Amino acid sequence: MAVRKRSILALGHLVPCCRPALFSQLTEHLTNELAKAPPVSMARTYIQCLATVSRQGGHRVGEICCHAHVILDLRTTHWFPD
């Protein structure tokens, strides 16, 4: 658990200085893994990582490949299931 938190923190610190293509690839990877409906502990990790990346990436989330709507769709799927 501590390794996951440190990894998420490290990714968060790298986001502001990474290229847009790398940021897009990271966001796509996280959303694709979360869309596969992983176990609860892994889903929580992906959600925390997406939150950190989104927080540190700021405006990039909405600019690059329109990831904002994908993240919101996943959020409603995982947090407010029917």
PDB file of N, CA and C in Angstrom:
ATOM      1  N   MET A   1       0.822  -1.191   0.000  1.00  0.00           N
ATOM      2  CA  MET A   1       0.000   0.000   0.000  1.00  0.00           C
ATOM      3  C   MET A   1       0.870   1.260   0.000  1.00  0.00           C
ATOM      4  N   ALA A   2       1.927   1.262   0.789  1.00  0.00           N
ATOM      5  CA  ALA A   2       2.797   2.435   0.852  1.00  0.00           C
ATOM      6  C   ALA A   2       3.517   2.656  -0.475  1.00  0.00           C
ATOM      7  N   VAL A   3       3.842   1.563  -1.157  1.00  0.00           N
ATOM      8  CA  VAL A   3       4.516   1.688  -2.447  1.00  0.00           C
ATOM      9  C   VAL A   3       3.580   2.327  -3.466  1.00  0.00           C
ATOM     10  N   ARG A   4       2.327   1.954  -3.431  1.00  0.00           N
ATOM     11  CA  ARG A   4       1.351   2.546  -4.349  1.00  0.00           C
ATOM     12  C   ARG A   4       1.238   4.042  -4.105  1.00  0.00           C
ATOM     13  N   LYS A   5       1.158   4.433  -2.846  1.00  0.00           N
ATOM     14  CA  LYS A   5       1.030   5.857  -2.522  1.00  0.00           C
ATOM     15  C   LYS A   5       2.254   6.639  -2.979  1.00  0.00           C
ATOM     16  N   ARG A   6       3.422   6.079  -2.770  1.00  0.00           N
ATOM     17  CA  ARG A   6       4.651   6.762  -3.202  1.00  0.00           C
ATOM     18  C   ARG A   6       4.736   6.841  -4.723  1.00  0.00           C
ATOM     19  N   SER A   7       4.299   5.799  -5.387  1.00  0.00           N
ATOM     20  CA  SER A   7       4.308   5.804  -6.856  1.00  0.00           C
ATOM     21  C   SER A   7       3.354   6.854  -7.402  1.00  0.00           C
ATOM     22  N   ILE A   8       2.181   6.943  -6.803  1.00  0.00           N
ATOM     23  CA  ILE A   8       1.202   7.947  -7.222  1.00  0.00           C
ATOM     24  C   ILE A   8       1.755   9.347  -6.986  1.00  0.00           C
ATOM     25  N   LEU A   9       2.389   9.554  -5.854  1.00  0.00           N
ATOM     26  CA  LEU A   9       2.982  10.847  -5.540  1.00  0.00           C
ATOM     27  C   LEU A   9       4.083  11.196  -6.545  1.00  0.00           C
ATOM     28  N   ALA A  10       4.909  10.221  -6.884  1.00  0.00           N
ATOM     29  CA  ALA A  10       5.981  10.457  -7.856  1.00  0.00           C
ATOM     30  C   ALA A  10       5.414  10.817  -9.224  1.00  0.00           C
ATOM     31  N   LEU A  11       4.380  10.098  -9.660  1.00  0.00           N
ATOM     32  CA  LEU A  11       3.749  10.432 -10.945  1.00  0.00           C
ATOM     33  C   LEU A  11       3.169  11.840 -10.912  1.00  0.00           C
ATOM     34  N   GLY A  12       2.559  12.185  -9.786  1.00  0.00           N
ATOM     35  CA  GLY A  12       1.999  13.524  -9.648  1.00  0.00           C
ATOM     36  C   GLY A  12       3.047  14.610  -9.789  1.00  0.00           C
ATOM     37  N   HIS A  13       4.229  14.374  -9.255  1.00  0.00           N
ATOM     38  CA  HIS A  13       5.292  15.368  -9.359  1.00  0.00           C
ATOM     39  C   HIS A  13       5.875  15.446 -10.765  1.00  0.00           C
ATOM     40  N   LEU A  14       5.783  14.377 -11.527  1.00  0.00           N
ATOM     41  CA  LEU A  14       6.328  14.371 -12.884  1.00  0.00           C
ATOM     42  C   LEU A  14       5.359  14.950 -13.919  1.00  0.00           C
ATOM     43  N   VAL A  15       4.079  14.980 -13.603  1.00  0.00           N
ATOM     44  CA  VAL A  15       3.071  15.419 -14.568  1.00  0.00           C
ATOM     45  C   VAL A  15       3.299  16.840 -15.082  1.00  0.00           C
ATOM     46  N   PRO A  16       3.605  17.828 -14.246  1.00  0.00           N
ATOM     47  CA  PRO A  16       3.745  19.193 -14.779  1.00  0.00           C
ATOM     48  C   PRO A  16       4.859  19.355 -15.812  1.00  0.00           C
ATOM     49  N   CYS A  17       5.870  18.511 -15.788  1.00  0.00           N
ATOM     50  CA  CYS A  17       6.978  18.695 -16.725  1.00  0.00           C
ATOM     51  C   CYS A  17       7.008  17.653 -17.846  1.00  0.00           C
ATOM     52  N   CYS A  18       5.996  16.812 -17.945  1.00  0.00           N
ATOM     53  CA  CYS A  18       6.012  15.810 -19.018  1.00  0.00           C
ATOM     54  C   CYS A  18       5.402  16.377 -20.297  1.00  0.00           C
ATOM     55  N   ARG A  19       5.752  15.760 -21.406  1.00  0.00           N
ATOM     56  CA  ARG A  19       5.234  16.173 -22.709  1.00  0.00           C
ATOM     57  C   ARG A  19       3.732  15.863 -22.792  1.00  0.00           C
ATOM     58  N   PRO A  20       3.001  16.592 -23.616  1.00  0.00           N
ATOM     59  CA  PRO A  20       1.569  16.328 -23.778  1.00  0.00           C
ATOM     60  C   PRO A  20       1.265  14.897 -24.238  1.00  0.00           C
ATOM     61  N   ALA A  21       2.096  14.342 -25.107  1.00  0.00           N
ATOM     62  CA  ALA A  21       1.852  12.975 -25.590  1.00  0.00           C
ATOM     63  C   ALA A  21       1.992  11.962 -24.455  1.00  0.00           C
ATOM     64  N   LEU A  22       2.964  12.156 -23.595  1.00  0.00           N
ATOM     65  CA  LEU A  22       3.156  11.265 -22.464  1.00  0.00           C
ATOM     66  C   LEU A  22       2.025  11.410 -21.459  1.00  0.00           C
ATOM     67  N   PHE A  23       1.591  12.634 -21.238  1.00  0.00           N
ATOM     68  CA  PHE A  23       0.459  12.873 -20.343  1.00  0.00           C
ATOM     69  C   PHE A  23      -0.796  12.187 -20.869  1.00  0.00           C
ATOM     70  N   SER A  24      -1.024  12.307 -22.164  1.00  0.00           N
ATOM     71  CA  SER A  24      -2.182  11.668 -22.780  1.00  0.00           C
ATOM     72  C   SER A  24      -2.096  10.149 -22.663  1.00  0.00           C
ATOM     73  N   GLN A  25      -0.923   9.599 -22.886  1.00  0.00           N
ATOM     74  CA  GLN A  25      -0.733   8.156 -22.789  1.00  0.00           C
ATOM     75  C   GLN A  25      -0.967   7.666 -21.360  1.00  0.00           C
ATOM     76  N   LEU A  26      -0.477   8.400 -20.378  1.00  0.00           N
ATOM     77  CA  LEU A  26      -0.683   8.046 -18.971  1.00  0.00           C
ATOM     78  C   LEU A  26      -2.164   8.067 -18.612  1.00  0.00           C
ATOM     79  N   THR A  27      -2.844   9.115 -19.025  1.00  0.00           N
ATOM     80  CA  THR A  27      -4.271   9.235 -18.717  1.00  0.00           C
ATOM     81  C   THR A  27      -5.071   8.136 -19.410  1.00  0.00           C
ATOM     82  N   GLU A  28      -4.752   7.850 -20.656  1.00  0.00           N
ATOM     83  CA  GLU A  28      -5.451   6.783 -21.377  1.00  0.00           C
ATOM     84  C   GLU A  28      -5.209   5.427 -20.716  1.00  0.00           C
ATOM     85  N   HIS A  29      -3.988   5.171 -20.298  1.00  0.00           N
ATOM     86  CA  HIS A  29      -3.686   3.902 -19.644  1.00  0.00           C
ATOM     87  C   HIS A  29      -4.494   3.752 -18.348  1.00  0.00           C
ATOM     88  N   LEU A  30      -4.531   4.800 -17.548  1.00  0.00           N
ATOM     89  CA  LEU A  30      -5.266   4.734 -16.284  1.00  0.00           C
ATOM     90  C   LEU A  30      -6.766   4.554 -16.507  1.00  0.00           C
ATOM     91  N   THR A  31      -7.328   5.274 -17.465  1.00  0.00           N
ATOM     92  CA  THR A  31      -8.760   5.131 -17.725  1.00  0.00           C
ATOM     93  C   THR A  31      -9.092   3.768 -18.323  1.00  0.00           C
ATOM     94  N   ASN A  32      -8.222   3.244 -19.182  1.00  0.00           N
ATOM     95  CA  ASN A  32      -8.460   1.918 -19.758  1.00  0.00           C
ATOM     96  C   ASN A  32      -8.411   0.830 -18.684  1.00  0.00           C
ATOM     97  N   GLU A  33      -7.447   0.930 -17.779  1.00  0.00           N
ATOM     98  CA  GLU A  33      -7.350  -0.059 -16.701  1.00  0.00           C
ATOM     99  C   GLU A  33      -8.548   0.037 -15.760  1.00  0.00           C
ATOM    100  N   LEU A  34      -9.001   1.223 -15.502  1.00  0.00           N
ATOM    101  CA  LEU A  34     -10.161   1.395 -14.630  1.00  0.00           C
ATOM    102  C   LEU A  34     -11.437   0.908 -15.297  1.00  0.00           C
ATOM    103  N   ALA A  35     -11.511   1.034 -16.609  1.00  0.00           N
ATOM    104  CA  ALA A  35     -12.694   0.582 -17.349  1.00  0.00           C
ATOM    105  C   ALA A  35     -12.829  -0.940 -17.359  1.00  0.00           C
ATOM    106  N   LYS A  36     -11.750  -1.657 -17.069  1.00  0.00           N
ATOM    107  CA  LYS A  36     -11.786  -3.116 -17.063  1.00  0.00           C
ATOM    108  C   LYS A  36     -12.435  -3.683 -15.802  1.00  0.00           C
ATOM    109  N   ALA A  37     -12.912  -2.817 -14.919  1.00  0.00           N
ATOM    110  CA  ALA A  37     -13.552  -3.209 -13.661  1.00  0.00           C
ATOM    111  C   ALA A  37     -12.634  -4.084 -12.799  1.00  0.00           C
ATOM    112  N   PRO A  38     -11.510  -3.516 -12.352  1.00  0.00           N
ATOM    113  CA  PRO A  38     -10.584  -4.280 -11.514  1.00  0.00           C
ATOM    114  C   PRO A  38     -11.159  -4.486 -10.116  1.00  0.00           C
ATOM    115  N   PRO A  39     -10.508  -5.289  -9.283  1.00  0.00           N
ATOM    116  CA  PRO A  39     -10.958  -5.442  -7.901  1.00  0.00           C
ATOM    117  C   PRO A  39     -10.975  -4.077  -7.192  1.00  0.00           C
ATOM    118  N   VAL A  40     -11.713  -4.004  -6.114  1.00  0.00           N
ATOM    119  CA  VAL A  40     -11.936  -2.733  -5.424  1.00  0.00           C
ATOM    120  C   VAL A  40     -10.629  -2.054  -5.024  1.00  0.00           C
ATOM    121  N   SER A  41      -9.673  -2.796  -4.510  1.00  0.00           N
ATOM    122  CA  SER A  41      -8.417  -2.176  -4.074  1.00  0.00           C
ATOM    123  C   SER A  41      -7.659  -1.568  -5.247  1.00  0.00           C
ATOM    124  N   MET A  42      -7.651  -2.251  -6.380  1.00  0.00           N
ATOM    125  CA  MET A  42      -6.972  -1.712  -7.556  1.00  0.00           C
ATOM    126  C   MET A  42      -7.751  -0.536  -8.149  1.00  0.00           C
ATOM    127  N   ALA A  43      -9.080  -0.629  -8.153  1.00  0.00           N
ATOM    128  CA  ALA A  43      -9.894   0.480  -8.661  1.00  0.00           C
ATOM    129  C   ALA A  43      -9.643   1.728  -7.828  1.00  0.00           C
ATOM    130  N   ARG A  44      -9.551   1.556  -6.525  1.00  0.00           N
ATOM    131  CA  ARG A  44      -9.282   2.689  -5.646  1.00  0.00           C
ATOM    132  C   ARG A  44      -7.915   3.311  -5.974  1.00  0.00           C
ATOM    133  N   THR A  45      -6.933   2.473  -6.248  1.00  0.00           N
ATOM    134  CA  THR A  45      -5.603   2.964  -6.606  1.00  0.00           C
ATOM    135  C   THR A  45      -5.643   3.737  -7.918  1.00  0.00           C
ATOM    136  N   TYR A  46      -6.337   3.203  -8.918  1.00  0.00           N
ATOM    137  CA  TYR A  46      -6.442   3.899 -10.202  1.00  0.00           C
ATOM    138  C   TYR A  46      -7.167   5.231 -10.039  1.00  0.00           C
ATOM    139  N   ILE A  47      -8.213   5.251  -9.232  1.00  0.00           N
ATOM    140  CA  ILE A  47      -8.957   6.488  -9.011  1.00  0.00           C
ATOM    141  C   ILE A  47      -8.081   7.522  -8.310  1.00  0.00           C
ATOM    142  N   GLN A  48      -7.324   7.091  -7.307  1.00  0.00           N
ATOM    143  CA  GLN A  48      -6.426   8.014  -6.613  1.00  0.00           C
ATOM    144  C   GLN A  48      -5.354   8.548  -7.560  1.00  0.00           C
ATOM    145  N   CYS A  49      -4.847   7.685  -8.414  1.00  0.00           N
ATOM    146  CA  CYS A  49      -3.824   8.107  -9.365  1.00  0.00           C
ATOM    147  C   CYS A  49      -4.405   9.090 -10.390  1.00  0.00           C
ATOM    148  N   LEU A  50      -5.595   8.801 -10.892  1.00  0.00           N
ATOM    149  CA  LEU A  50      -6.245   9.720 -11.827  1.00  0.00           C
ATOM    150  C   LEU A  50      -6.513  11.065 -11.167  1.00  0.00           C
ATOM    151  N   ALA A  51      -6.922  11.051  -9.907  1.00  0.00           N
ATOM    152  CA  ALA A  51      -7.178  12.299  -9.191  1.00  0.00           C
ATOM    153  C   ALA A  51      -5.897  13.110  -9.048  1.00  0.00           C
ATOM    154  N   THR A  52      -4.809  12.442  -8.706  1.00  0.00           N
ATOM    155  CA  THR A  52      -3.525  13.139  -8.555  1.00  0.00           C
ATOM    156  C   THR A  52      -3.047  13.689  -9.888  1.00  0.00           C
ATOM    157  N   VAL A  53      -3.123  12.884 -10.925  1.00  0.00           N
ATOM    158  CA  VAL A  53      -2.695  13.326 -12.256  1.00  0.00           C
ATOM    159  C   VAL A  53      -3.563  14.495 -12.723  1.00  0.00           C
ATOM    160  N   SER A  54      -4.860  14.413 -12.489  1.00  0.00           N
ATOM    161  CA  SER A  54      -5.767  15.493 -12.890  1.00  0.00           C
ATOM    162  C   SER A  54      -5.483  16.773 -12.114  1.00  0.00           C
ATOM    163  N   ARG A  55      -5.237  16.628 -10.835  1.00  0.00           N
ATOM    164  CA  ARG A  55      -4.953  17.782  -9.990  1.00  0.00           C
ATOM    165  C   ARG A  55      -3.656  18.470 -10.429  1.00  0.00           C
ATOM    166  N   GLN A  56      -2.637  17.683 -10.710  1.00  0.00           N
ATOM    167  CA  GLN A  56      -1.352  18.254 -11.100  1.00  0.00           C
ATOM    168  C   GLN A  56      -1.333  18.695 -12.559  1.00  0.00           C
ATOM    169  N   GLY A  57      -2.116  18.025 -13.393  1.00  0.00           N
ATOM    170  CA  GLY A  57      -2.153  18.357 -14.815  1.00  0.00           C
ATOM    171  C   GLY A  57      -2.999  19.570 -15.118  1.00  0.00           C
ATOM    172  N   GLY A  58      -3.977  19.829 -14.272  1.00  0.00           N
ATOM    173  CA  GLY A  58      -4.820  21.007 -14.422  1.00  0.00           C
ATOM    174  C   GLY A  58      -5.518  21.086 -15.767  1.00  0.00           C
ATOM    175  N   HIS A  59      -5.213  22.134 -16.507  1.00  0.00           N
ATOM    176  CA  HIS A  59      -5.883  22.402 -17.782  1.00  0.00           C
ATOM    177  C   HIS A  59      -5.628  21.331 -18.822  1.00  0.00           C
ATOM    178  N   ARG A  60      -4.570  20.549 -18.683  1.00  0.00           N
ATOM    179  CA  ARG A  60      -4.254  19.527 -19.679  1.00  0.00           C
ATOM    180  C   ARG A  60      -5.332  18.452 -19.760  1.00  0.00           C
ATOM    181  N   VAL A  61      -6.013  18.200 -18.668  1.00  0.00           N
ATOM    182  CA  VAL A  61      -7.029  17.143 -18.655  1.00  0.00           C
ATOM    183  C   VAL A  61      -8.133  17.447 -19.646  1.00  0.00           C
ATOM    184  N   GLY A  62      -8.556  18.687 -19.727  1.00  0.00           N
ATOM    185  CA  GLY A  62      -9.606  19.068 -20.654  1.00  0.00           C
ATOM    186  C   GLY A  62      -9.117  19.288 -22.073  1.00  0.00           C
ATOM    187  N   GLU A  63      -7.842  19.638 -22.223  1.00  0.00           N
ATOM    188  CA  GLU A  63      -7.303  19.950 -23.546  1.00  0.00           C
ATOM    189  C   GLU A  63      -6.934  18.723 -24.360  1.00  0.00           C
ATOM    190  N   ILE A  64      -6.289  17.764 -23.735  1.00  0.00           N
ATOM    191  CA  ILE A  64      -5.712  16.648 -24.480  1.00  0.00           C
ATOM    192  C   ILE A  64      -6.741  15.523 -24.613  1.00  0.00           C
ATOM    193  N   CYS A  65      -7.180  15.299 -25.824  1.00  0.00           N
ATOM    194  CA  CYS A  65      -8.078  14.187 -26.163  1.00  0.00           C
ATOM    195  C   CYS A  65      -9.349  14.169 -25.323  1.00  0.00           C
ATOM    196  N   CYS A  66      -9.704  15.267 -24.768  1.00  0.00           N
ATOM    197  CA  CYS A  66     -10.951  15.386 -23.995  1.00  0.00           C
ATOM    198  C   CYS A  66     -11.094  14.271 -22.962  1.00  0.00           C
ATOM    199  N   HIS A  67     -10.089  14.086 -22.119  1.00  0.00           N
ATOM    200  CA  HIS A  67     -10.138  13.042 -21.097  1.00  0.00           C
ATOM    201  C   HIS A  67     -11.122  13.359 -19.981  1.00  0.00           C
ATOM    202  N   ALA A  68     -11.514  14.612 -19.859  1.00  0.00           N
ATOM    203  CA  ALA A  68     -12.375  15.001 -18.738  1.00  0.00           C
ATOM    204  C   ALA A  68     -13.689  14.228 -18.749  1.00  0.00           C
ATOM    205  N   HIS A  69     -14.335  14.092 -19.897  1.00  0.00           N
ATOM    206  CA  HIS A  69     -15.614  13.391 -19.933  1.00  0.00           C
ATOM    207  C   HIS A  69     -15.447  11.899 -19.667  1.00  0.00           C
ATOM    208  N   VAL A  70     -14.334  11.320 -20.079  1.00  0.00           N
ATOM    209  CA  VAL A  70     -14.076   9.897 -19.822  1.00  0.00           C
ATOM    210  C   VAL A  70     -13.900   9.670 -18.332  1.00  0.00           C
ATOM    211  N   ILE A  71     -13.152  10.554 -17.684  1.00  0.00           N
ATOM    212  CA  ILE A  71     -12.939  10.433 -16.247  1.00  0.00           C
ATOM    213  C   ILE A  71     -14.252  10.598 -15.502  1.00  0.00           C
ATOM    214  N   LEU A  72     -15.081  11.535 -15.931  1.00  0.00           N
ATOM    215  CA  LEU A  72     -16.369  11.729 -15.268  1.00  0.00           C
ATOM    216  C   LEU A  72     -17.292  10.531 -15.480  1.00  0.00           C
ATOM    217  N   ASP A  73     -17.265   9.949 -16.673  1.00  0.00           N
ATOM    218  CA  ASP A  73     -18.075   8.758 -16.920  1.00  0.00           C
ATOM    219  C   ASP A  73     -17.635   7.596 -16.035  1.00  0.00           C
ATOM    220  N   LEU A  74     -16.325   7.404 -15.895  1.00  0.00           N
ATOM    221  CA  LEU A  74     -15.818   6.335 -15.032  1.00  0.00           C
ATOM    222  C   LEU A  74     -16.154   6.607 -13.573  1.00  0.00           C
ATOM    223  N   ARG A  75     -16.092   7.866 -13.190  1.00  0.00           N
ATOM    224  CA  ARG A  75     -16.409   8.222 -11.810  1.00  0.00           C
ATOM    225  C   ARG A  75     -17.851   7.855 -11.478  1.00  0.00           C
ATOM    226  N   THR A  76     -18.768   8.188 -12.366  1.00  0.00           N
ATOM    227  CA  THR A  76     -20.161   7.871 -12.088  1.00  0.00           C
ATOM    228  C   THR A  76     -20.401   6.368 -12.131  1.00  0.00           C
ATOM    229  N   THR A  77     -19.657   5.652 -12.967  1.00  0.00           N
ATOM    230  CA  THR A  77     -19.807   4.192 -13.042  1.00  0.00           C
ATOM    231  C   THR A  77     -19.355   3.514 -11.763  1.00  0.00           C
ATOM    232  N   HIS A  78     -18.222   3.963 -11.211  1.00  0.00           N
ATOM    233  CA  HIS A  78     -17.657   3.305 -10.045  1.00  0.00           C
ATOM    234  C   HIS A  78     -18.225   3.814  -8.727  1.00  0.00           C
ATOM    235  N   TRP A  79     -18.595   5.094  -8.680  1.00  0.00           N
ATOM    236  CA  TRP A  79     -19.053   5.629  -7.409  1.00  0.00           C
ATOM    237  C   TRP A  79     -20.553   5.606  -7.259  1.00  0.00           C
ATOM    238  N   PHE A  80     -21.290   5.649  -8.377  1.00  0.00           N
ATOM    239  CA  PHE A  80     -22.745   5.663  -8.337  1.00  0.00           C
ATOM    240  C   PHE A  80     -23.306   4.577  -9.244  1.00  0.00           C
ATOM    241  N   PRO A  81     -23.041   3.318  -8.955  1.00  0.00           N
ATOM    242  CA  PRO A  81     -23.537   2.252  -9.840  1.00  0.00           C
ATOM    243  C   PRO A  81     -25.060   2.161  -9.781  1.00  0.00           C
ATOM    244  N   ASP A  82     -25.641   1.732 -10.868  1.00  0.00           N
ATOM    245  CA  ASP A  82     -27.105   1.592 -10.926  1.00  0.00           C
ATOM    246  C   ASP A  82     -27.580   0.405 -10.133  1.00  0.00           C
TER     247      ASP A  82
END
